[in-house]
Amino acid sequence: MEKKLYRSRDKKLICGVCAGIGEYFNIDPTVIRLAFALFACMGGSGVVAYLIAAVIMPPKPE
């Protein structure tokens, strides 16, 4: 079965990007959220990356 990257519908806080990445790689979404927050504090690249991912990643089908 082919694995695809989707935004999460269940575990989302804002758009579901971090939860979707966590589900894809089988890691806790909190780790992904902390990484995005760290990059956001270091020049704002985390915010830009999150917004791009929110636009590009499709929502998980029901």
PDB file of N, CA and C in Angstrom:
ATOM      1  N   MET A   1       0.837  -1.180   0.000  1.00  0.00           N
ATOM      2  CA  MET A   1       0.000   0.000   0.000  1.00  0.00           C
ATOM      3  C   MET A   1       0.885   1.248   0.000  1.00  0.00           C
ATOM      4  N   GLU A   2       0.545   2.184  -0.836  1.00  0.00           N
ATOM      5  CA  GLU A   2       1.338   3.407  -0.962  1.00  0.00           C
ATOM      6  C   GLU A   2       0.988   4.383   0.156  1.00  0.00           C
ATOM      7  N   LYS A   3       2.023   4.926   0.782  1.00  0.00           N
ATOM      8  CA  LYS A   3       1.853   5.887   1.861  1.00  0.00           C
ATOM      9  C   LYS A   3       1.798   7.294   1.271  1.00  0.00           C
ATOM     10  N   LYS A   4       0.820   8.110   1.710  1.00  0.00           N
ATOM     11  CA  LYS A   4       0.705   9.482   1.222  1.00  0.00           C
ATOM     12  C   LYS A   4       0.673  10.447   2.394  1.00  0.00           C
ATOM     13  N   LEU A   5       1.135  11.646   2.132  1.00  0.00           N
ATOM     14  CA  LEU A   5       1.192  12.686   3.147  1.00  0.00           C
ATOM     15  C   LEU A   5      -0.066  13.544   3.053  1.00  0.00           C
ATOM     16  N   TYR A   6      -0.820  13.593   4.154  1.00  0.00           N
ATOM     17  CA  TYR A   6      -2.055  14.381   4.225  1.00  0.00           C
ATOM     18  C   TYR A   6      -2.043  15.233   5.477  1.00  0.00           C
ATOM     19  N   ARG A   7      -2.814  16.324   5.446  1.00  0.00           N
ATOM     20  CA  ARG A   7      -3.086  17.082   6.670  1.00  0.00           C
ATOM     21  C   ARG A   7      -4.074  16.275   7.501  1.00  0.00           C
ATOM     22  N   SER A   8      -3.875  16.250   8.793  1.00  0.00           N
ATOM     23  CA  SER A   8      -4.735  15.484   9.680  1.00  0.00           C
ATOM     24  C   SER A   8      -6.053  16.220   9.920  1.00  0.00           C
ATOM     25  N   ARG A   9      -7.122  15.453  10.028  1.00  0.00           N
ATOM     26  CA  ARG A   9      -8.425  16.023  10.384  1.00  0.00           C
ATOM     27  C   ARG A   9      -8.730  15.815  11.871  1.00  0.00           C
ATOM     28  N   ASP A  10      -8.116  14.798  12.478  1.00  0.00           N
ATOM     29  CA  ASP A  10      -8.436  14.421  13.851  1.00  0.00           C
ATOM     30  C   ASP A  10      -7.609  15.152  14.903  1.00  0.00           C
ATOM     31  N   LYS A  11      -6.321  15.211  14.699  1.00  0.00           N
ATOM     32  CA  LYS A  11      -5.403  15.694  15.731  1.00  0.00           C
ATOM     33  C   LYS A  11      -4.883  17.099  15.460  1.00  0.00           C
ATOM     34  N   LYS A  12      -5.580  17.871  14.678  1.00  0.00           N
ATOM     35  CA  LYS A  12      -5.058  19.174  14.284  1.00  0.00           C
ATOM     36  C   LYS A  12      -5.245  20.219  15.372  1.00  0.00           C
ATOM     37  N   LEU A  13      -4.332  21.177  15.405  1.00  0.00           N
ATOM     38  CA  LEU A  13      -4.467  22.345  16.270  1.00  0.00           C
ATOM     39  C   LEU A  13      -4.789  23.573  15.430  1.00  0.00           C
ATOM     40  N   ILE A  14      -4.064  23.756  14.331  1.00  0.00           N
ATOM     41  CA  ILE A  14      -4.329  24.891  13.449  1.00  0.00           C
ATOM     42  C   ILE A  14      -4.849  24.377  12.112  1.00  0.00           C
ATOM     43  N   CYS A  15      -3.963  23.815  11.311  1.00  0.00           N
ATOM     44  CA  CYS A  15      -4.373  23.289   9.995  1.00  0.00           C
ATOM     45  C   CYS A  15      -4.169  21.789   9.868  1.00  0.00           C
ATOM     46  N   GLY A  16      -3.493  21.157  10.807  1.00  0.00           N
ATOM     47  CA  GLY A  16      -3.264  19.722  10.748  1.00  0.00           C
ATOM     48  C   GLY A  16      -1.972  19.315  10.065  1.00  0.00           C
ATOM     49  N   VAL A  17      -1.118  20.278   9.754  1.00  0.00           N
ATOM     50  CA  VAL A  17       0.130  19.974   9.054  1.00  0.00           C
ATOM     51  C   VAL A  17       1.058  19.139   9.939  1.00  0.00           C
ATOM     52  N   CYS A  18       1.300  19.568  11.142  1.00  0.00           N
ATOM     53  CA  CYS A  18       2.232  18.858  12.030  1.00  0.00           C
ATOM     54  C   CYS A  18       1.713  17.471  12.387  1.00  0.00           C
ATOM     55  N   ALA A  19       0.425  17.345  12.626  1.00  0.00           N
ATOM     56  CA  ALA A  19      -0.159  16.041  12.928  1.00  0.00           C
ATOM     57  C   ALA A  19      -0.071  15.122  11.716  1.00  0.00           C
ATOM     58  N   GLY A  20      -0.269  15.659  10.537  1.00  0.00           N
ATOM     59  CA  GLY A  20      -0.147  14.858   9.319  1.00  0.00           C
ATOM     60  C   GLY A  20       1.269  14.370   9.089  1.00  0.00           C
ATOM     61  N   ILE A  21       2.246  15.238   9.322  1.00  0.00           N
ATOM     62  CA  ILE A  21       3.648  14.834   9.185  1.00  0.00           C
ATOM     63  C   ILE A  21       3.997  13.792  10.243  1.00  0.00           C
ATOM     64  N   GLY A  22       3.495  13.976  11.452  1.00  0.00           N
ATOM     65  CA  GLY A  22       3.724  12.998  12.519  1.00  0.00           C
ATOM     66  C   GLY A  22       3.114  11.646  12.200  1.00  0.00           C
ATOM     67  N   GLU A  23       1.917  11.622  11.646  1.00  0.00           N
ATOM     68  CA  GLU A  23       1.288  10.363  11.252  1.00  0.00           C
ATOM     69  C   GLU A  23       2.080   9.691  10.130  1.00  0.00           C
ATOM     70  N   TYR A  24       2.570  10.471   9.194  1.00  0.00           N
ATOM     71  CA  TYR A  24       3.316   9.923   8.057  1.00  0.00           C
ATOM     72  C   TYR A  24       4.609   9.247   8.514  1.00  0.00           C
ATOM     73  N   PHE A  25       5.338   9.884   9.438  1.00  0.00           N
ATOM     74  CA  PHE A  25       6.611   9.348   9.899  1.00  0.00           C
ATOM     75  C   PHE A  25       6.493   8.547  11.197  1.00  0.00           C
ATOM     76  N   ASN A  26       5.280   8.343  11.703  1.00  0.00           N
ATOM     77  CA  ASN A  26       5.027   7.582  12.940  1.00  0.00           C
ATOM     78  C   ASN A  26       5.787   8.148  14.138  1.00  0.00           C
ATOM     79  N   ILE A  27       5.738   9.472  14.290  1.00  0.00           N
ATOM     80  CA  ILE A  27       6.311  10.115  15.464  1.00  0.00           C
ATOM     81  C   ILE A  27       5.260  11.040  16.074  1.00  0.00           C
ATOM     82  N   ASP A  28       5.508  11.454  17.287  1.00  0.00           N
ATOM     83  CA  ASP A  28       4.574  12.305  18.007  1.00  0.00           C
ATOM     84  C   ASP A  28       4.490  13.674  17.326  1.00  0.00           C
ATOM     85  N   PRO A  29       3.280  14.166  17.045  1.00  0.00           N
ATOM     86  CA  PRO A  29       3.143  15.476  16.405  1.00  0.00           C
ATOM     87  C   PRO A  29       3.719  16.620  17.235  1.00  0.00           C
ATOM     88  N   THR A  30       3.848  16.427  18.531  1.00  0.00           N
ATOM     89  CA  THR A  30       4.411  17.465  19.390  1.00  0.00           C
ATOM     90  C   THR A  30       5.858  17.756  19.010  1.00  0.00           C
ATOM     91  N   VAL A  31       6.600  16.740  18.605  1.00  0.00           N
ATOM     92  CA  VAL A  31       7.984  16.920  18.182  1.00  0.00           C
ATOM     93  C   VAL A  31       8.030  17.801  16.930  1.00  0.00           C
ATOM     94  N   ILE A  32       7.117  17.550  16.003  1.00  0.00           N
ATOM     95  CA  ILE A  32       7.057  18.348  14.771  1.00  0.00           C
ATOM     96  C   ILE A  32       6.664  19.779  15.105  1.00  0.00           C
ATOM     97  N   ARG A  33       5.714  19.951  15.998  1.00  0.00           N
ATOM     98  CA  ARG A  33       5.270  21.293  16.398  1.00  0.00           C
ATOM     99  C   ARG A  33       6.413  22.073  17.043  1.00  0.00           C
ATOM    100  N   LEU A  34       7.191  21.403  17.885  1.00  0.00           N
ATOM    101  CA  LEU A  34       8.336  22.063  18.518  1.00  0.00           C
ATOM    102  C   LEU A  34       9.383  22.461  17.480  1.00  0.00           C
ATOM    103  N   ALA A  35       9.592  21.618  16.478  1.00  0.00           N
ATOM    104  CA  ALA A  35      10.553  21.950  15.419  1.00  0.00           C
ATOM    105  C   ALA A  35      10.085  23.175  14.634  1.00  0.00           C
ATOM    106  N   PHE A  36       8.792  23.220  14.285  1.00  0.00           N
ATOM    107  CA  PHE A  36       8.274  24.394  13.578  1.00  0.00           C
ATOM    108  C   PHE A  36       8.394  25.646  14.447  1.00  0.00           C
ATOM    109  N   ALA A  37       8.122  25.522  15.750  1.00  0.00           N
ATOM    110  CA  ALA A  37       8.237  26.670  16.653  1.00  0.00           C
ATOM    111  C   ALA A  37       9.691  27.135  16.763  1.00  0.00           C
ATOM    112  N   LEU A  38      10.612  26.194  16.804  1.00  0.00           N
ATOM    113  CA  LEU A  38      12.031  26.540  16.871  1.00  0.00           C
ATOM    114  C   LEU A  38      12.465  27.293  15.620  1.00  0.00           C
ATOM    115  N   PHE A  39      12.057  26.797  14.450  1.00  0.00           N
ATOM    116  CA  PHE A  39      12.402  27.479  13.204  1.00  0.00           C
ATOM    117  C   PHE A  39      11.699  28.838  13.098  1.00  0.00           C
ATOM    118  N   ALA A  40      10.515  28.954  13.672  1.00  0.00           N
ATOM    119  CA  ALA A  40       9.809  30.235  13.658  1.00  0.00           C
ATOM    120  C   ALA A  40      10.554  31.276  14.496  1.00  0.00           C
ATOM    121  N   CYS A  41      11.158  30.836  15.594  1.00  0.00           N
ATOM    122  CA  CYS A  41      11.917  31.748  16.447  1.00  0.00           C
ATOM    123  C   CYS A  41      13.261  32.126  15.843  1.00  0.00           C
ATOM    124  N   MET A  42      13.734  31.327  14.916  1.00  0.00           N
ATOM    125  CA  MET A  42      15.045  31.559  14.311  1.00  0.00           C
ATOM    126  C   MET A  42      14.897  32.187  12.933  1.00  0.00           C
ATOM    127  N   GLY A  43      14.196  33.285  12.861  1.00  0.00           N
ATOM    128  CA  GLY A  43      14.107  34.016  11.603  1.00  0.00           C
ATOM    129  C   GLY A  43      12.783  33.897  10.879  1.00  0.00           C
ATOM    130  N   GLY A  44      11.859  33.120  11.392  1.00  0.00           N
ATOM    131  CA  GLY A  44      10.542  33.046  10.784  1.00  0.00           C
ATOM    132  C   GLY A  44      10.377  32.013   9.689  1.00  0.00           C
ATOM    133  N   SER A  45      11.400  31.195   9.442  1.00  0.00           N
ATOM    134  CA  SER A  45      11.274  30.211   8.362  1.00  0.00           C
ATOM    135  C   SER A  45      10.255  29.132   8.695  1.00  0.00           C
ATOM    136  N   GLY A  46      10.011  28.866   9.969  1.00  0.00           N
ATOM    137  CA  GLY A  46       9.012  27.873  10.363  1.00  0.00           C
ATOM    138  C   GLY A  46       7.609  28.302   9.994  1.00  0.00           C
ATOM    139  N   VAL A  47       7.322  29.583  10.128  1.00  0.00           N
ATOM    140  CA  VAL A  47       6.004  30.111   9.764  1.00  0.00           C
ATOM    141  C   VAL A  47       5.780  29.989   8.266  1.00  0.00           C
ATOM    142  N   VAL A  48       6.784  30.351   7.508  1.00  0.00           N
ATOM    143  CA  VAL A  48       6.678  30.273   6.046  1.00  0.00           C
ATOM    144  C   VAL A  48       6.516  28.820   5.605  1.00  0.00           C
ATOM    145  N   ALA A  49       7.319  27.913   6.180  1.00  0.00           N
ATOM    146  CA  ALA A  49       7.234  26.495   5.825  1.00  0.00           C
ATOM    147  C   ALA A  49       5.867  25.924   6.190  1.00  0.00           C
ATOM    148  N   TYR A  50       5.337  26.305   7.346  1.00  0.00           N
ATOM    149  CA  TYR A  50       4.024  25.815   7.764  1.00  0.00           C
ATOM    150  C   TYR A  50       2.935  26.295   6.809  1.00  0.00           C
ATOM    151  N   LEU A  51       2.975  27.560   6.454  1.00  0.00           N
ATOM    152  CA  LEU A  51       1.954  28.098   5.549  1.00  0.00           C
ATOM    153  C   LEU A  51       2.022  27.449   4.164  1.00  0.00           C
ATOM    154  N   ILE A  52       3.219  27.217   3.675  1.00  0.00           N
ATOM    155  CA  ILE A  52       3.361  26.548   2.379  1.00  0.00           C
ATOM    156  C   ILE A  52       2.827  25.118   2.467  1.00  0.00           C
ATOM    157  N   ALA A  53       3.168  24.414   3.539  1.00  0.00           N
ATOM    158  CA  ALA A  53       2.685  23.042   3.713  1.00  0.00           C
ATOM    159  C   ALA A  53       1.164  23.001   3.861  1.00  0.00           C
ATOM    160  N   ALA A  54       0.588  23.985   4.546  1.00  0.00           N
ATOM    161  CA  ALA A  54      -0.867  24.023   4.718  1.00  0.00           C
ATOM    162  C   ALA A  54      -1.583  24.211   3.389  1.00  0.00           C
ATOM    163  N   VAL A  55      -0.959  24.931   2.475  1.00  0.00           N
ATOM    164  CA  VAL A  55      -1.565  25.154   1.161  1.00  0.00           C
ATOM    165  C   VAL A  55      -1.362  23.940   0.249  1.00  0.00           C
ATOM    166  N   ILE A  56      -0.187  23.333   0.311  1.00  0.00           N
ATOM    167  CA  ILE A  56       0.160  22.253  -0.614  1.00  0.00           C
ATOM    168  C   ILE A  56      -0.432  20.901  -0.194  1.00  0.00           C
ATOM    169  N   MET A  57      -0.394  20.581   1.096  1.00  0.00           N
ATOM    170  CA  MET A  57      -0.840  19.264   1.558  1.00  0.00           C
ATOM    171  C   MET A  57      -2.372  19.155   1.487  1.00  0.00           C
ATOM    172  N   PRO A  58      -2.877  18.101   0.857  1.00  0.00           N
ATOM    173  CA  PRO A  58      -4.324  17.906   0.833  1.00  0.00           C
ATOM    174  C   PRO A  58      -4.824  17.367   2.172  1.00  0.00           C
ATOM    175  N   PRO A  59      -6.078  17.638   2.535  1.00  0.00           N
ATOM    176  CA  PRO A  59      -6.620  17.058   3.769  1.00  0.00           C
ATOM    177  C   PRO A  59      -6.811  15.550   3.606  1.00  0.00           C
ATOM    178  N   LYS A  60      -6.734  14.846   4.715  1.00  0.00           N
ATOM    179  CA  LYS A  60      -6.897  13.401   4.708  1.00  0.00           C
ATOM    180  C   LYS A  60      -8.326  13.042   4.309  1.00  0.00           C
ATOM    181  N   PRO A  61      -8.496  12.142   3.354  1.00  0.00           N
ATOM    182  CA  PRO A  61      -9.851  11.759   2.969  1.00  0.00           C
ATOM    183  C   PRO A  61     -10.573  11.047   4.119  1.00  0.00           C
ATOM    184  N   GLU A  62     -11.849  11.202   4.173  1.00  0.00           N
ATOM    185  CA  GLU A  62     -12.619  10.598   5.272  1.00  0.00           C
ATOM    186  C   GLU A  62     -12.927   9.158   5.040  1.00  0.00           C
TER     187      GLU A  62
END
